[in-house]
């Protein structure tokens, strides 16, 4: 397996966009969420591209796949937290729908990338 340049991977680029979006939305959360939901959303968002990047350092597709799997798991965790934020009315319905669509598209992209590693 030739190593990938993570910065050139579309899944990494899209995940980095999600990190930016996450920082934007948490600005509207109440202060009580600073160490709770806000922190968790950021950790999950950052985990997605971080696992992709770390996986590119692995010498086999089997090992790389494990990091892609972790990245995918973090994306589902992030989506769940987005639902919580929406349920608490921390974000608008329109913003929720936009971000839900974005994360689901990223999940599909990561899954397709993962299929290519097998």
C-alpha atoms as a PDB file:
ATOM      1  CA  UNK A   1       0.000   0.000   0.000  1.00  0.00           C
ATOM      2  CA  UNK A   2       1.279   3.427  -0.886  1.00  0.00           C
ATOM      3  CA  UNK A   3       0.694   5.978   1.828  1.00  0.00           C
ATOM      4  CA  UNK A   4      -1.897   8.648   1.210  1.00  0.00           C
ATOM      5  CA  UNK A   5      -1.365  12.373   1.629  1.00  0.00           C
ATOM      6  CA  UNK A   6      -4.204  13.006   4.065  1.00  0.00           C
ATOM      7  CA  UNK A   7      -4.466  16.689   3.102  1.00  0.00           C
ATOM      8  CA  UNK A   8      -5.418  15.670  -0.425  1.00  0.00           C
ATOM      9  CA  UNK A   9      -8.130  13.219   0.636  1.00  0.00           C
ATOM     10  CA  UNK A  10     -11.619  14.570   0.016  1.00  0.00           C
ATOM     11  CA  UNK A  11     -12.900  12.862   3.171  1.00  0.00           C
ATOM     12  CA  UNK A  12     -10.283  14.693   5.250  1.00  0.00           C
ATOM     13  CA  UNK A  13     -11.098  18.034   3.606  1.00  0.00           C
ATOM     14  CA  UNK A  14     -14.832  17.583   4.191  1.00  0.00           C
ATOM     15  CA  UNK A  15     -14.189  16.536   7.784  1.00  0.00           C
ATOM     16  CA  UNK A  16     -12.127  19.688   8.327  1.00  0.00           C
ATOM     17  CA  UNK A  17     -15.056  21.749   7.014  1.00  0.00           C
ATOM     18  CA  UNK A  18     -17.231  20.034   9.604  1.00  0.00           C
ATOM     19  CA  UNK A  19     -14.785  21.082  12.326  1.00  0.00           C
ATOM     20  CA  UNK A  20     -15.171  24.712  11.204  1.00  0.00           C
ATOM     21  CA  UNK A  21     -18.962  24.404  11.201  1.00  0.00           C
ATOM     22  CA  UNK A  22     -18.873  22.887  14.670  1.00  0.00           C
ATOM     23  CA  UNK A  23     -16.937  25.826  16.090  1.00  0.00           C
ATOM     24  CA  UNK A  24     -19.473  28.176  14.498  1.00  0.00           C
ATOM     25  CA  UNK A  25     -22.559  26.496  15.935  1.00  0.00           C
ATOM     26  CA  UNK A  26     -21.307  26.083  19.483  1.00  0.00           C
ATOM     27  CA  UNK A  27     -20.926  29.841  19.725  1.00  0.00           C
ATOM     28  CA  UNK A  28     -24.698  30.005  20.059  1.00  0.00           C
ATOM     29  CA  UNK A  29     -24.920  27.413  22.823  1.00  0.00           C
ATOM     30  CA  UNK A  30     -25.582  28.478  26.416  1.00  0.00           C
ATOM     31  CA  UNK A  31     -22.593  28.796  28.747  1.00  0.00           C
ATOM     32  CA  UNK A  32     -23.787  25.797  30.744  1.00  0.00           C
ATOM     33  CA  UNK A  33     -22.874  23.614  27.730  1.00  0.00           C
ATOM     34  CA  UNK A  34     -19.280  24.840  27.454  1.00  0.00           C
ATOM     35  CA  UNK A  35     -17.861  21.754  29.186  1.00  0.00           C
ATOM     36  CA  UNK A  36     -20.618  19.400  28.122  1.00  0.00           C
ATOM     37  CA  UNK A  37     -22.219  19.253  24.697  1.00  0.00           C
ATOM     38  CA  UNK A  38     -19.991  21.928  23.150  1.00  0.00           C
ATOM     39  CA  UNK A  39     -16.848  20.159  24.248  1.00  0.00           C
ATOM     40  CA  UNK A  40     -18.133  16.784  23.103  1.00  0.00           C
ATOM     41  CA  UNK A  41     -19.140  18.104  19.669  1.00  0.00           C
ATOM     42  CA  UNK A  42     -15.697  19.614  19.177  1.00  0.00           C
ATOM     43  CA  UNK A  43     -13.907  16.444  20.282  1.00  0.00           C
ATOM     44  CA  UNK A  44     -15.966  14.320  17.889  1.00  0.00           C
ATOM     45  CA  UNK A  45     -15.594  16.747  15.006  1.00  0.00           C
ATOM     46  CA  UNK A  46     -11.811  16.937  15.449  1.00  0.00           C
ATOM     47  CA  UNK A  47     -11.600  13.161  15.846  1.00  0.00           C
ATOM     48  CA  UNK A  48     -12.980  12.554  12.355  1.00  0.00           C
ATOM     49  CA  UNK A  49     -10.142  14.160  10.317  1.00  0.00           C
ATOM     50  CA  UNK A  50      -7.571  13.285  12.985  1.00  0.00           C
ATOM     51  CA  UNK A  51      -8.248   9.556  12.618  1.00  0.00           C
ATOM     52  CA  UNK A  52      -8.125   9.855   8.839  1.00  0.00           C
ATOM     53  CA  UNK A  53      -4.768  11.619   9.068  1.00  0.00           C
ATOM     54  CA  UNK A  54      -3.349   9.161  11.584  1.00  0.00           C
ATOM     55  CA  UNK A  55      -4.511   6.233   9.477  1.00  0.00           C
ATOM     56  CA  UNK A  56      -2.514   7.436   6.488  1.00  0.00           C
ATOM     57  CA  UNK A  57       0.669   6.734   8.433  1.00  0.00           C
ATOM     58  CA  UNK A  58      -0.103   3.029   8.691  1.00  0.00           C
ATOM     59  CA  UNK A  59       1.728   0.594   6.472  1.00  0.00           C
ATOM     60  CA  UNK A  60      -1.193  -1.630   5.494  1.00  0.00           C
ATOM     61  CA  UNK A  61      -4.764  -1.066   4.356  1.00  0.00           C
ATOM     62  CA  UNK A  62      -5.922  -3.315   7.192  1.00  0.00           C
ATOM     63  CA  UNK A  63      -4.412  -0.966   9.771  1.00  0.00           C
ATOM     64  CA  UNK A  64      -5.546   2.140   7.875  1.00  0.00           C
ATOM     65  CA  UNK A  65      -9.082   0.727   7.767  1.00  0.00           C
ATOM     66  CA  UNK A  66      -9.227   0.639  11.577  1.00  0.00           C
ATOM     67  CA  UNK A  67      -8.630   4.395  11.717  1.00  0.00           C
ATOM     68  CA  UNK A  68     -11.197   5.007   8.999  1.00  0.00           C
ATOM     69  CA  UNK A  69     -13.634   2.911  11.033  1.00  0.00           C
ATOM     70  CA  UNK A  70     -12.919   5.068  14.100  1.00  0.00           C
ATOM     71  CA  UNK A  71     -13.468   8.178  12.011  1.00  0.00           C
ATOM     72  CA  UNK A  72     -16.820   6.853  10.841  1.00  0.00           C
ATOM     73  CA  UNK A  73     -17.790   6.042  14.421  1.00  0.00           C
ATOM     74  CA  UNK A  74     -16.977   9.600  15.491  1.00  0.00           C
ATOM     75  CA  UNK A  75     -19.167  10.915  12.678  1.00  0.00           C
ATOM     76  CA  UNK A  76     -22.153   8.973  14.005  1.00  0.00           C
ATOM     77  CA  UNK A  77     -21.411  10.186  17.514  1.00  0.00           C
ATOM     78  CA  UNK A  78     -21.271  13.770  16.192  1.00  0.00           C
ATOM     79  CA  UNK A  79     -24.604  13.279  14.411  1.00  0.00           C
ATOM     80  CA  UNK A  80     -26.192  12.091  17.657  1.00  0.00           C
ATOM     81  CA  UNK A  81     -24.913  15.147  19.495  1.00  0.00           C
ATOM     82  CA  UNK A  82     -26.249  17.348  16.708  1.00  0.00           C
ATOM     83  CA  UNK A  83     -29.678  15.799  17.302  1.00  0.00           C
ATOM     84  CA  UNK A  84     -29.348  16.575  21.019  1.00  0.00           C
ATOM     85  CA  UNK A  85     -28.436  20.188  20.204  1.00  0.00           C
ATOM     86  CA  UNK A  86     -31.466  20.429  17.941  1.00  0.00           C
ATOM     87  CA  UNK A  87     -33.757  18.851  20.531  1.00  0.00           C
ATOM     88  CA  UNK A  88     -32.563  21.456  23.047  1.00  0.00           C
ATOM     89  CA  UNK A  89     -33.260  24.229  20.502  1.00  0.00           C
ATOM     90  CA  UNK A  90     -29.599  25.299  20.490  1.00  0.00           C
ATOM     91  CA  UNK A  91     -29.652  25.398  16.685  1.00  0.00           C
ATOM     92  CA  UNK A  92     -32.346  26.257  14.194  1.00  0.00           C
ATOM     93  CA  UNK A  93     -34.224  23.607  12.287  1.00  0.00           C
ATOM     94  CA  UNK A  94     -32.660  24.877   9.056  1.00  0.00           C
ATOM     95  CA  UNK A  95     -29.117  24.660  10.462  1.00  0.00           C
ATOM     96  CA  UNK A  96     -29.846  21.195  11.824  1.00  0.00           C
ATOM     97  CA  UNK A  97     -31.083  19.963   8.444  1.00  0.00           C
ATOM     98  CA  UNK A  98     -28.078  21.443   6.658  1.00  0.00           C
ATOM     99  CA  UNK A  99     -25.588  19.879   9.070  1.00  0.00           C
ATOM    100  CA  UNK A 100     -27.425  16.569   9.211  1.00  0.00           C
ATOM    101  CA  UNK A 101     -27.246  16.364   5.438  1.00  0.00           C
ATOM    102  CA  UNK A 102     -23.554  17.293   5.525  1.00  0.00           C
ATOM    103  CA  UNK A 103     -22.653  14.631   8.101  1.00  0.00           C
ATOM    104  CA  UNK A 104     -24.656  11.951   6.321  1.00  0.00           C
ATOM    105  CA  UNK A 105     -22.903  12.774   3.066  1.00  0.00           C
ATOM    106  CA  UNK A 106     -19.544  12.568   4.838  1.00  0.00           C
ATOM    107  CA  UNK A 107     -20.524   9.208   6.345  1.00  0.00           C
ATOM    108  CA  UNK A 108     -21.277   7.893   2.866  1.00  0.00           C
ATOM    109  CA  UNK A 109     -17.967   9.195   1.554  1.00  0.00           C
ATOM    110  CA  UNK A 110     -16.029   7.602   4.410  1.00  0.00           C
ATOM    111  CA  UNK A 111     -17.874   4.302   3.915  1.00  0.00           C
ATOM    112  CA  UNK A 112     -17.089   4.270   0.193  1.00  0.00           C
ATOM    113  CA  UNK A 113     -13.452   5.075   0.930  1.00  0.00           C
ATOM    114  CA  UNK A 114     -13.401   2.247   3.470  1.00  0.00           C
ATOM    115  CA  UNK A 115     -14.853  -0.165   0.906  1.00  0.00           C
ATOM    116  CA  UNK A 116     -11.980   0.721  -1.402  1.00  0.00           C
ATOM    117  CA  UNK A 117      -9.444  -0.302   1.245  1.00  0.00           C
ATOM    118  CA  UNK A 118     -10.827  -3.837   1.516  1.00  0.00           C
END
